[in-house]
Amino acid sequence: MPPRFARPVIAAVAAFALSGAVAGCAASSGSGAGGSGSEGRLVVVATTTVFADMVANVGGDRVSVTSLVPKNADVHTFEPRPGRHEGRRLGPAAGDERPGLDDWLEKTMANAAPEGTPVLKLAVNLPGLELLPGESEGTQNPHLFLDVTYARAYADRIAASLKQADPAHAADYDAGAAAYGQKLDALDAWVRAQIEAVPEANRKIVTFHDAFPYYAREYGITIVGVAVEAPGQDPSAAQMAALIDAIKSAGVRAVFSEAQFPSKLADQLAAEAGVKVVSNLYSDALGDPPVTSYEALIRWDTERLVEALR
């Protein structure tokens, strides 16, 4: 079964010294917690590099954005430590609610952020949202943003929060959201064209953990199974045997894993099933060049998938 995560994804954007529901930002004059050197820009802290990139694209020069979780890190198991910069940096904050992804955000906010710091929960009550199940009854999978159509909705929500925080520059945020939206629309169309080039019978995959169900649902890929229930939980011998049988029975051509996870398990699974292994996908965090933006992440993963499945 795909891994299940504990509650709805908290993609939050919060702002320095701003009270209210804006989840996102407050103008800084260049002094104060989280505002040094921002020169009047809105200061935003995101939980992940993916969300930080989205905010930067929408806000442009009007925002100063940082990510709590660094590139190439595992968002699921990240733990801000007292005394480190992750805690001190919280004047604003950003996350993606659906524990299992960044459920540590609320505790971090309580410990380090100024009282009243607003948080934007990107996936909560998102228009048109159809959640997929999580690891236990009543929970949902957190990786909505790997469906580019949902990322497009995130961008609009980010813009609305930035405008609420900084209404004087609302036109700038509208323009940023419109330009970024056009890029995401083009990205979505590109992904569909790439997947369409793969024979339908080949569009079956096994992944290391359940990061790609929204991507798969939107773009016509079948996930036959996942290797681990959640990062850090290796499967039993019986589970491995059942998954190998499923791979052979379904005619799966490749096992996919992400760059931030050890490749040993995926390598073993692929070897025993007699299929290819691709161990350099990205999901919750950006990486080194060329995977330095959300758009680049989606293009990179799609290219790896298509190459392995053709």
Protein backbone atom coordinates (compact mmCIF):
# COMPACT_ATOMS: atom_id res chain seq x y z
CA MET A 1 0.00 0.00 0.00
CA PRO A 2 1.17 3.58 -0.61
CA PRO A 3 2.42 5.39 2.48
CA ARG A 4 -0.11 7.30 4.48
CA PHE A 5 0.56 10.56 6.21
CA ALA A 6 -1.08 12.05 9.23
CA ARG A 7 -3.26 15.14 8.43
CA PRO A 8 -3.74 17.73 5.71
CA VAL A 9 -0.61 19.28 4.12
CA ILE A 10 0.41 22.58 5.77
CA ALA A 11 1.91 24.71 3.11
CA ALA A 12 2.26 27.81 5.10
CA VAL A 13 3.56 31.21 4.35
CA ALA A 14 3.86 33.52 7.30
CA ALA A 15 5.11 37.01 7.72
CA PHE A 16 7.33 38.92 10.05
CA ALA A 17 5.49 41.02 12.61
CA LEU A 18 2.21 40.89 10.76
CA SER A 19 -0.92 39.86 12.58
CA GLY A 20 -4.03 38.61 10.90
CA ALA A 21 -4.90 35.84 8.50
CA VAL A 22 -2.44 36.63 5.73
CA ALA A 23 -0.12 33.73 5.98
CA GLY A 24 2.70 35.28 4.54
CA CYS A 25 4.42 38.41 5.05
CA ALA A 26 5.23 41.64 6.58
CA ALA A 27 7.23 44.51 5.30
CA SER A 28 10.60 45.01 6.92
CA SER A 29 12.70 48.11 7.03
CA GLY A 30 15.88 46.07 7.31
CA SER A 31 15.96 45.58 11.05
CA GLY A 32 14.34 43.21 13.50
CA ALA A 33 13.88 39.45 13.58
CA GLY A 34 14.07 37.93 10.13
CA GLY A 35 14.18 41.30 8.41
CA SER A 36 17.84 42.23 8.19
CA GLY A 37 18.86 43.32 4.74
CA SER A 38 15.42 42.91 3.24
CA GLU A 39 15.18 46.64 2.37
CA GLY A 40 11.44 46.99 2.76
CA ARG A 41 10.53 43.67 1.13
CA LEU A 42 8.06 41.25 2.67
CA VAL A 43 9.91 38.62 4.67
CA VAL A 44 8.58 35.10 4.11
CA VAL A 45 9.75 31.80 5.56
CA ALA A 46 8.67 28.61 3.81
CA THR A 47 8.94 25.13 5.23
CA THR A 48 10.42 23.75 2.02
CA THR A 49 12.50 24.87 -0.92
CA VAL A 50 9.61 23.98 -3.24
CA PHE A 51 7.24 26.42 -1.54
CA ALA A 52 9.97 29.04 -1.19
CA ASP A 53 10.48 28.90 -4.95
CA MET A 54 6.76 29.37 -5.55
CA VAL A 55 6.66 32.41 -3.27
CA ALA A 56 9.74 33.88 -4.96
CA ASN A 57 8.15 33.47 -8.39
CA VAL A 58 4.92 35.17 -7.36
CA GLY A 59 6.47 37.88 -5.18
CA GLY A 60 9.52 38.68 -7.25
CA ASP A 61 11.60 41.60 -5.96
CA ARG A 62 8.93 42.51 -3.43
CA VAL A 63 9.66 39.50 -1.18
CA SER A 64 12.60 38.05 0.69
CA VAL A 65 12.12 34.29 1.01
CA THR A 66 13.95 31.58 2.92
CA SER A 67 13.25 27.87 3.44
CA LEU A 68 13.48 26.11 6.80
CA VAL A 69 14.37 22.79 5.20
CA PRO A 70 17.50 23.00 3.04
CA LYS A 71 17.83 21.60 -0.46
CA ASN A 72 18.38 17.85 -0.81
CA ALA A 73 16.86 17.23 2.63
CA ASP A 74 14.08 14.86 3.69
CA VAL A 75 11.13 17.04 4.65
CA HIS A 76 9.29 14.19 6.38
CA THR A 77 11.93 13.64 9.04
CA PHE A 78 13.31 17.16 9.34
CA GLU A 79 13.56 18.39 12.94
CA PRO A 80 14.46 22.02 13.68
CA ARG A 81 16.89 22.00 16.60
CA PRO A 82 16.96 24.58 19.41
CA GLY A 83 19.80 27.02 19.01
CA ARG A 84 20.12 26.49 15.29
CA HIS A 85 19.15 29.03 12.65
CA GLU A 86 15.93 27.18 11.79
CA GLY A 87 14.42 28.33 15.05
CA ARG A 88 15.92 31.81 15.17
CA ARG A 89 14.83 32.60 11.63
CA LEU A 90 11.11 32.42 12.29
CA GLY A 91 9.61 35.83 12.01
CA PRO A 92 7.51 34.58 9.10
CA ALA A 93 6.93 31.00 8.17
CA ALA A 94 5.71 28.79 5.41
CA GLY A 95 4.64 25.19 5.34
CA ASP A 96 2.29 22.64 3.84
CA GLU A 97 -0.04 21.03 6.27
CA ARG A 98 -0.44 17.36 6.15
CA PRO A 99 1.78 15.97 8.79
CA GLY A 100 4.15 13.48 7.57
CA LEU A 101 5.38 16.24 5.29
CA ASP A 102 5.97 19.26 7.53
CA ASP A 103 3.94 18.53 10.64
CA TRP A 104 6.81 19.93 12.72
CA LEU A 105 5.86 23.45 11.57
CA GLU A 106 3.27 24.12 14.24
CA LYS A 107 5.65 23.24 17.08
CA THR A 108 8.42 25.31 15.52
CA MET A 109 6.10 28.27 15.13
CA ALA A 110 4.97 27.98 18.74
CA ASN A 111 8.56 27.92 19.97
CA ALA A 112 10.23 30.47 17.73
CA ALA A 113 7.80 32.73 15.90
CA PRO A 114 6.45 35.99 17.31
CA GLU A 115 2.95 35.65 18.70
CA GLY A 116 0.34 36.23 16.02
CA THR A 117 2.60 35.27 13.13
CA PRO A 118 0.19 34.29 10.35
CA VAL A 119 0.48 31.00 8.50
CA LEU A 120 -0.90 30.20 5.06
CA LYS A 121 -2.02 26.59 4.75
CA LEU A 122 -1.87 26.16 1.02
CA ALA A 123 -3.79 22.91 0.72
CA VAL A 124 -6.56 23.61 3.19
CA ASN A 125 -9.89 24.20 1.44
CA LEU A 126 -8.13 24.53 -1.90
CA PRO A 127 -10.77 24.96 -4.64
CA GLY A 128 -11.24 21.81 -6.70
CA LEU A 129 -9.08 19.73 -4.35
CA GLU A 130 -9.59 15.97 -4.47
CA LEU A 131 -7.46 14.42 -1.75
CA LEU A 132 -6.00 10.94 -1.95
CA PRO A 133 -5.83 8.74 1.17
CA GLY A 134 -2.95 8.72 3.63
CA GLU A 135 -1.30 5.93 5.58
CA SER A 136 -4.14 5.43 8.05
CA GLU A 137 -7.88 5.89 8.05
CA GLY A 138 -8.97 9.50 7.84
CA THR A 139 -5.61 10.87 6.65
CA GLN A 140 -4.50 12.24 3.29
CA ASN A 141 -1.42 12.10 1.12
CA PRO A 142 0.53 15.40 1.25
CA HIS A 143 2.23 15.62 -2.16
CA LEU A 144 -0.46 17.60 -3.98
CA PHE A 145 1.99 20.05 -5.52
CA LEU A 146 3.48 17.39 -7.82
CA ASP A 147 0.26 17.77 -9.80
CA VAL A 148 1.03 21.01 -11.62
CA THR A 149 -2.64 22.01 -11.70
CA TYR A 150 -2.59 22.13 -7.89
CA ALA A 151 0.68 24.09 -7.92
CA ARG A 152 -1.11 26.59 -10.15
CA ALA A 153 -3.79 26.98 -7.46
CA TYR A 154 -1.07 27.37 -4.81
CA ALA A 155 0.36 30.30 -6.77
CA ASP A 156 -2.98 32.09 -6.77
CA ARG A 157 -3.37 31.53 -3.04
CA ILE A 158 0.14 32.85 -2.37
CA ALA A 159 -0.62 35.97 -4.42
CA ALA A 160 -3.81 36.62 -2.44
CA SER A 161 -1.88 36.45 0.84
CA LEU A 162 0.91 38.69 -0.37
CA LYS A 163 -1.66 41.26 -1.46
CA GLN A 164 -3.34 41.13 1.92
CA ALA A 165 -0.01 41.70 3.61
CA ASP A 166 1.11 44.43 1.22
CA PRO A 167 -1.94 45.93 -0.53
CA ALA A 168 0.08 48.88 -1.85
CA HIS A 169 1.83 46.50 -4.26
CA ALA A 170 -1.17 44.33 -5.14
CA ALA A 171 -0.68 44.97 -8.85
CA ASP A 172 2.87 43.60 -8.64
CA TYR A 173 1.67 40.39 -7.01
CA ASP A 174 -1.13 40.00 -9.53
CA ALA A 175 1.38 40.40 -12.33
CA GLY A 176 3.77 37.93 -10.71
CA ALA A 177 1.02 35.36 -10.25
CA ALA A 178 -0.17 35.81 -13.82
CA ALA A 179 3.32 35.37 -15.27
CA TYR A 180 4.07 32.37 -13.07
CA GLY A 181 0.67 30.91 -13.86
CA GLN A 182 1.43 31.03 -17.57
CA LYS A 183 4.69 29.17 -16.94
CA LEU A 184 2.87 26.51 -14.92
CA ASP A 185 0.17 26.14 -17.56
CA ALA A 186 2.88 25.58 -20.16
CA LEU A 187 4.63 23.12 -17.83
CA ASP A 188 1.40 21.17 -17.33
CA ALA A 189 0.86 20.94 -21.10
CA TRP A 190 4.47 19.82 -21.58
CA VAL A 191 4.15 17.03 -18.99
CA ARG A 192 0.98 15.74 -20.66
CA ALA A 193 2.70 15.67 -24.06
CA GLN A 194 5.72 13.82 -22.67
CA ILE A 195 3.66 11.15 -20.92
CA GLU A 196 1.46 10.76 -23.96
CA ALA A 197 4.56 9.61 -25.88
CA VAL A 198 4.89 6.62 -23.55
CA PRO A 199 2.88 3.55 -24.64
CA GLU A 200 -0.12 3.23 -22.33
CA ALA A 201 0.81 -0.33 -21.39
CA ASN A 202 4.17 0.94 -20.10
CA ARG A 203 2.77 3.64 -17.80
CA LYS A 204 3.16 1.59 -14.64
CA ILE A 205 5.66 2.30 -11.91
CA VAL A 206 6.81 1.33 -8.42
CA THR A 207 8.24 4.06 -6.21
CA PHE A 208 10.37 4.11 -3.09
CA HIS A 209 7.70 5.94 -1.10
CA ASP A 210 4.30 7.35 -1.94
CA ALA A 211 5.28 10.78 -3.22
CA PHE A 212 3.73 10.63 -6.67
CA PRO A 213 0.03 9.64 -6.48
CA TYR A 214 -1.27 13.08 -7.48
CA TYR A 215 1.20 13.31 -10.35
CA ALA A 216 0.25 9.80 -11.44
CA ARG A 217 -3.49 10.44 -11.22
CA GLU A 218 -3.31 13.66 -13.23
CA TYR A 219 -0.99 12.41 -15.96
CA GLY A 220 -2.25 8.86 -16.50
CA ILE A 221 0.32 6.73 -14.70
CA THR A 222 -0.49 3.68 -12.57
CA ILE A 223 1.42 3.19 -9.32
CA VAL A 224 1.58 -0.56 -8.79
CA GLY A 225 3.15 -0.26 -5.35
CA VAL A 226 5.65 1.45 -3.07
CA ALA A 227 8.68 0.01 -1.32
CA VAL A 228 8.20 1.62 2.10
CA GLU A 229 5.14 2.69 4.07
CA ALA A 230 6.98 5.89 5.01
CA PRO A 231 10.62 7.02 4.89
CA GLY A 232 12.64 5.11 7.48
CA GLN A 233 10.29 2.09 7.57
CA ASP A 234 11.82 -0.73 5.55
CA PRO A 235 9.48 -3.45 4.27
CA SER A 236 9.47 -6.98 5.64
CA ALA A 237 10.70 -9.90 3.56
CA ALA A 238 7.08 -10.87 2.89
CA GLN A 239 6.22 -7.36 1.72
CA MET A 240 9.25 -7.32 -0.58
CA ALA A 241 8.27 -10.68 -2.06
CA ALA A 242 4.70 -9.50 -2.66
CA LEU A 243 5.90 -6.32 -4.34
CA ILE A 244 8.30 -8.22 -6.57
CA ASP A 245 5.45 -10.49 -7.64
CA ALA A 246 3.28 -7.43 -8.34
CA ILE A 247 6.04 -5.87 -10.48
CA LYS A 248 6.38 -9.00 -12.57
CA SER A 249 2.64 -9.56 -12.86
CA ALA A 250 1.88 -5.98 -13.94
CA GLY A 251 4.82 -5.74 -16.32
CA VAL A 252 6.35 -2.76 -14.49
CA ARG A 253 9.45 -1.57 -16.33
CA ALA A 254 11.22 0.42 -13.60
CA VAL A 255 11.47 1.17 -9.88
CA PHE A 256 11.86 4.84 -8.97
CA SER A 257 13.41 6.42 -5.90
CA GLU A 258 14.34 9.94 -4.85
CA ALA A 259 17.82 11.39 -4.62
CA GLN A 260 17.60 12.20 -0.90
CA PHE A 261 16.98 8.56 0.07
CA PRO A 262 19.50 5.70 0.15
CA SER A 263 19.28 3.68 -3.07
CA LYS A 264 20.09 0.26 -1.59
CA LEU A 265 16.47 -0.87 -1.15
CA ALA A 266 15.36 0.32 -4.58
CA ASP A 267 18.43 -1.31 -6.15
CA GLN A 268 17.63 -4.60 -4.41
CA LEU A 269 13.98 -4.50 -5.42
CA ALA A 270 14.77 -3.75 -9.05
CA ALA A 271 17.48 -6.42 -9.22
CA GLU A 272 15.23 -9.14 -7.80
CA ALA A 273 12.35 -8.12 -10.06
CA GLY A 274 14.60 -7.88 -13.10
CA VAL A 275 13.70 -4.28 -13.98
CA LYS A 276 15.48 -0.93 -14.27
CA VAL A 277 16.03 1.37 -11.32
CA VAL A 278 15.98 5.17 -11.41
CA SER A 279 17.15 6.62 -8.12
CA ASN A 280 17.46 10.35 -8.81
CA LEU A 281 13.91 11.75 -8.76
CA TYR A 282 12.93 14.72 -6.59
CA SER A 283 9.69 15.35 -4.73
CA ASP A 284 9.61 17.38 -1.50
CA ALA A 285 12.84 19.34 -1.85
CA LEU A 286 14.87 20.96 -4.58
CA GLY A 287 18.45 19.93 -5.19
CA ASP A 288 21.63 20.88 -6.97
CA PRO A 289 21.62 22.23 -10.55
CA PRO A 290 19.68 21.74 -12.69
CA VAL A 291 16.92 20.91 -10.16
CA THR A 292 16.84 24.34 -8.53
CA SER A 293 13.19 25.33 -9.06
CA TYR A 294 9.77 23.73 -8.93
CA GLU A 295 9.53 23.87 -12.72
CA ALA A 296 12.93 22.21 -13.07
CA LEU A 297 11.92 19.51 -10.59
CA ILE A 298 8.83 18.58 -12.58
CA ARG A 299 10.74 18.58 -15.87
CA TRP A 300 13.56 16.49 -14.41
CA ASP A 301 11.23 13.85 -12.95
CA THR A 302 9.13 13.68 -16.11
CA GLU A 303 12.18 13.22 -18.31
CA ARG A 304 13.51 10.43 -16.06
CA LEU A 305 10.12 8.70 -16.05
CA VAL A 306 9.63 8.89 -19.80
CA GLU A 307 13.16 7.72 -20.53
CA ALA A 308 12.72 4.65 -18.31
CA LEU A 309 9.21 3.72 -19.46
CA ARG A 310 9.51 3.99 -23.24
